[in-house]
Amino acid sequence: MPHDHSDHPHAVLPSDPALRVKALETILTRKGLIDPAALDEIIDTYQNKIGPQNGARVVARAWSDPVFKAALLAD
């Protein structure tokens, strides 16, 4: 028999992922469990230093630089 989750605290969270993230961030901030400035720094790091752009640059260079491609494949 399926369990009814309507009485569960998570049932009040929005279904849209972006809204859920914002709701969770707000709750955690209000409870003092996260520092919004630290969270902004982590997000910036992943978006700008670790994110997919770096991988795209590596692939683009491998396409245009055969020596780099060989070194990449060897390592």
C-alpha atoms as a PDB file:
ATOM      1  CA  MET A   1       0.000   0.000   0.000  1.00  0.00           C
ATOM      2  CA  PRO A   2       1.527   3.392  -0.998  1.00  0.00           C
ATOM      3  CA  HIS A   3       2.393   5.813   1.781  1.00  0.00           C
ATOM      4  CA  ASP A   4       0.747   9.222   1.763  1.00  0.00           C
ATOM      5  CA  HIS A   5       3.512  11.842   1.991  1.00  0.00           C
ATOM      6  CA  SER A   6       1.197  14.859   2.246  1.00  0.00           C
ATOM      7  CA  ASP A   7       1.760  15.137   6.007  1.00  0.00           C
ATOM      8  CA  HIS A   8       5.557  15.004   5.651  1.00  0.00           C
ATOM      9  CA  PRO A   9       7.482  18.292   6.169  1.00  0.00           C
ATOM     10  CA  HIS A  10       9.040  17.993   2.701  1.00  0.00           C
ATOM     11  CA  ALA A  11       5.575  18.170   1.165  1.00  0.00           C
ATOM     12  CA  VAL A  12       5.573  21.947   1.733  1.00  0.00           C
ATOM     13  CA  LEU A  13       8.633  22.511  -0.489  1.00  0.00           C
ATOM     14  CA  PRO A  14       7.968  23.772  -4.029  1.00  0.00           C
ATOM     15  CA  SER A  15       8.271  21.263  -6.874  1.00  0.00           C
ATOM     16  CA  ASP A  16      10.484  23.515  -9.064  1.00  0.00           C
ATOM     17  CA  PRO A  17      14.162  22.661  -8.326  1.00  0.00           C
ATOM     18  CA  ALA A  18      15.304  26.304  -8.270  1.00  0.00           C
ATOM     19  CA  LEU A  19      12.566  27.217  -5.810  1.00  0.00           C
ATOM     20  CA  ARG A  20      13.396  24.174  -3.673  1.00  0.00           C
ATOM     21  CA  VAL A  21      17.056  25.197  -3.522  1.00  0.00           C
ATOM     22  CA  LYS A  22      16.101  28.750  -2.520  1.00  0.00           C
ATOM     23  CA  ALA A  23      13.666  27.449   0.117  1.00  0.00           C
ATOM     24  CA  LEU A  24      16.302  25.139   1.590  1.00  0.00           C
ATOM     25  CA  GLU A  25      18.918  27.912   1.531  1.00  0.00           C
ATOM     26  CA  THR A  26      16.522  30.219   3.359  1.00  0.00           C
ATOM     27  CA  ILE A  27      15.705  27.618   6.013  1.00  0.00           C
ATOM     28  CA  LEU A  28      19.359  26.720   6.589  1.00  0.00           C
ATOM     29  CA  THR A  29      20.342  30.400   6.780  1.00  0.00           C
ATOM     30  CA  ARG A  30      17.585  31.226   9.269  1.00  0.00           C
ATOM     31  CA  LYS A  31      18.670  28.306  11.458  1.00  0.00           C
ATOM     32  CA  GLY A  32      22.255  29.556  11.348  1.00  0.00           C
ATOM     33  CA  LEU A  33      23.497  26.385   9.678  1.00  0.00           C
ATOM     34  CA  ILE A  34      25.032  28.106   6.646  1.00  0.00           C
ATOM     35  CA  ASP A  35      26.590  31.481   5.988  1.00  0.00           C
ATOM     36  CA  PRO A  36      25.118  33.021   2.801  1.00  0.00           C
ATOM     37  CA  ALA A  37      28.452  34.689   1.947  1.00  0.00           C
ATOM     38  CA  ALA A  38      30.292  31.361   2.230  1.00  0.00           C
ATOM     39  CA  LEU A  39      27.641  29.684   0.093  1.00  0.00           C
ATOM     40  CA  ASP A  40      27.987  32.423  -2.549  1.00  0.00           C
ATOM     41  CA  GLU A  41      31.756  31.833  -2.582  1.00  0.00           C
ATOM     42  CA  ILE A  42      31.302  28.075  -3.037  1.00  0.00           C
ATOM     43  CA  ILE A  43      28.835  28.619  -5.882  1.00  0.00           C
ATOM     44  CA  ASP A  44      31.182  31.125  -7.548  1.00  0.00           C
ATOM     45  CA  THR A  45      34.064  28.665  -7.275  1.00  0.00           C
ATOM     46  CA  TYR A  46      32.100  25.868  -8.934  1.00  0.00           C
ATOM     47  CA  GLN A  47      30.661  28.139 -11.625  1.00  0.00           C
ATOM     48  CA  ASN A  48      33.868  29.933 -12.548  1.00  0.00           C
ATOM     49  CA  LYS A  49      36.833  27.798 -11.507  1.00  0.00           C
ATOM     50  CA  ILE A  50      35.651  24.189 -11.570  1.00  0.00           C
ATOM     51  CA  GLY A  51      32.619  24.336 -13.852  1.00  0.00           C
ATOM     52  CA  PRO A  52      32.103  22.969 -17.358  1.00  0.00           C
ATOM     53  CA  GLN A  53      33.882  25.904 -19.030  1.00  0.00           C
ATOM     54  CA  ASN A  54      37.228  24.420 -18.045  1.00  0.00           C
ATOM     55  CA  GLY A  55      36.365  21.109 -19.667  1.00  0.00           C
ATOM     56  CA  ALA A  56      35.190  22.905 -22.795  1.00  0.00           C
ATOM     57  CA  ARG A  57      38.511  24.773 -22.995  1.00  0.00           C
ATOM     58  CA  VAL A  58      40.450  21.506 -22.699  1.00  0.00           C
ATOM     59  CA  VAL A  59      38.395  19.883 -25.464  1.00  0.00           C
ATOM     60  CA  ALA A  60      38.721  22.930 -27.743  1.00  0.00           C
ATOM     61  CA  ARG A  61      42.478  23.007 -27.238  1.00  0.00           C
ATOM     62  CA  ALA A  62      42.752  19.267 -27.866  1.00  0.00           C
ATOM     63  CA  TRP A  63      40.910  19.742 -31.184  1.00  0.00           C
ATOM     64  CA  SER A  64      43.199  22.543 -32.286  1.00  0.00           C
ATOM     65  CA  ASP A  65      46.541  21.467 -30.766  1.00  0.00           C
ATOM     66  CA  PRO A  66      47.707  17.944 -31.726  1.00  0.00           C
ATOM     67  CA  VAL A  67      50.641  18.020 -29.269  1.00  0.00           C
ATOM     68  CA  PHE A  68      48.310  18.959 -26.412  1.00  0.00           C
ATOM     69  CA  LYS A  69      45.859  16.231 -27.487  1.00  0.00           C
ATOM     70  CA  ALA A  70      48.623  13.618 -27.470  1.00  0.00           C
ATOM     71  CA  ALA A  71      49.784  14.711 -24.030  1.00  0.00           C
ATOM     72  CA  LEU A  72      46.202  14.680 -22.749  1.00  0.00           C
ATOM     73  CA  LEU A  73      45.574  11.176 -24.058  1.00  0.00           C
ATOM     74  CA  ALA A  74      48.900   9.906 -22.679  1.00  0.00           C
ATOM     75  CA  ASP A  75      48.163  11.197 -19.173  1.00  0.00           C
END
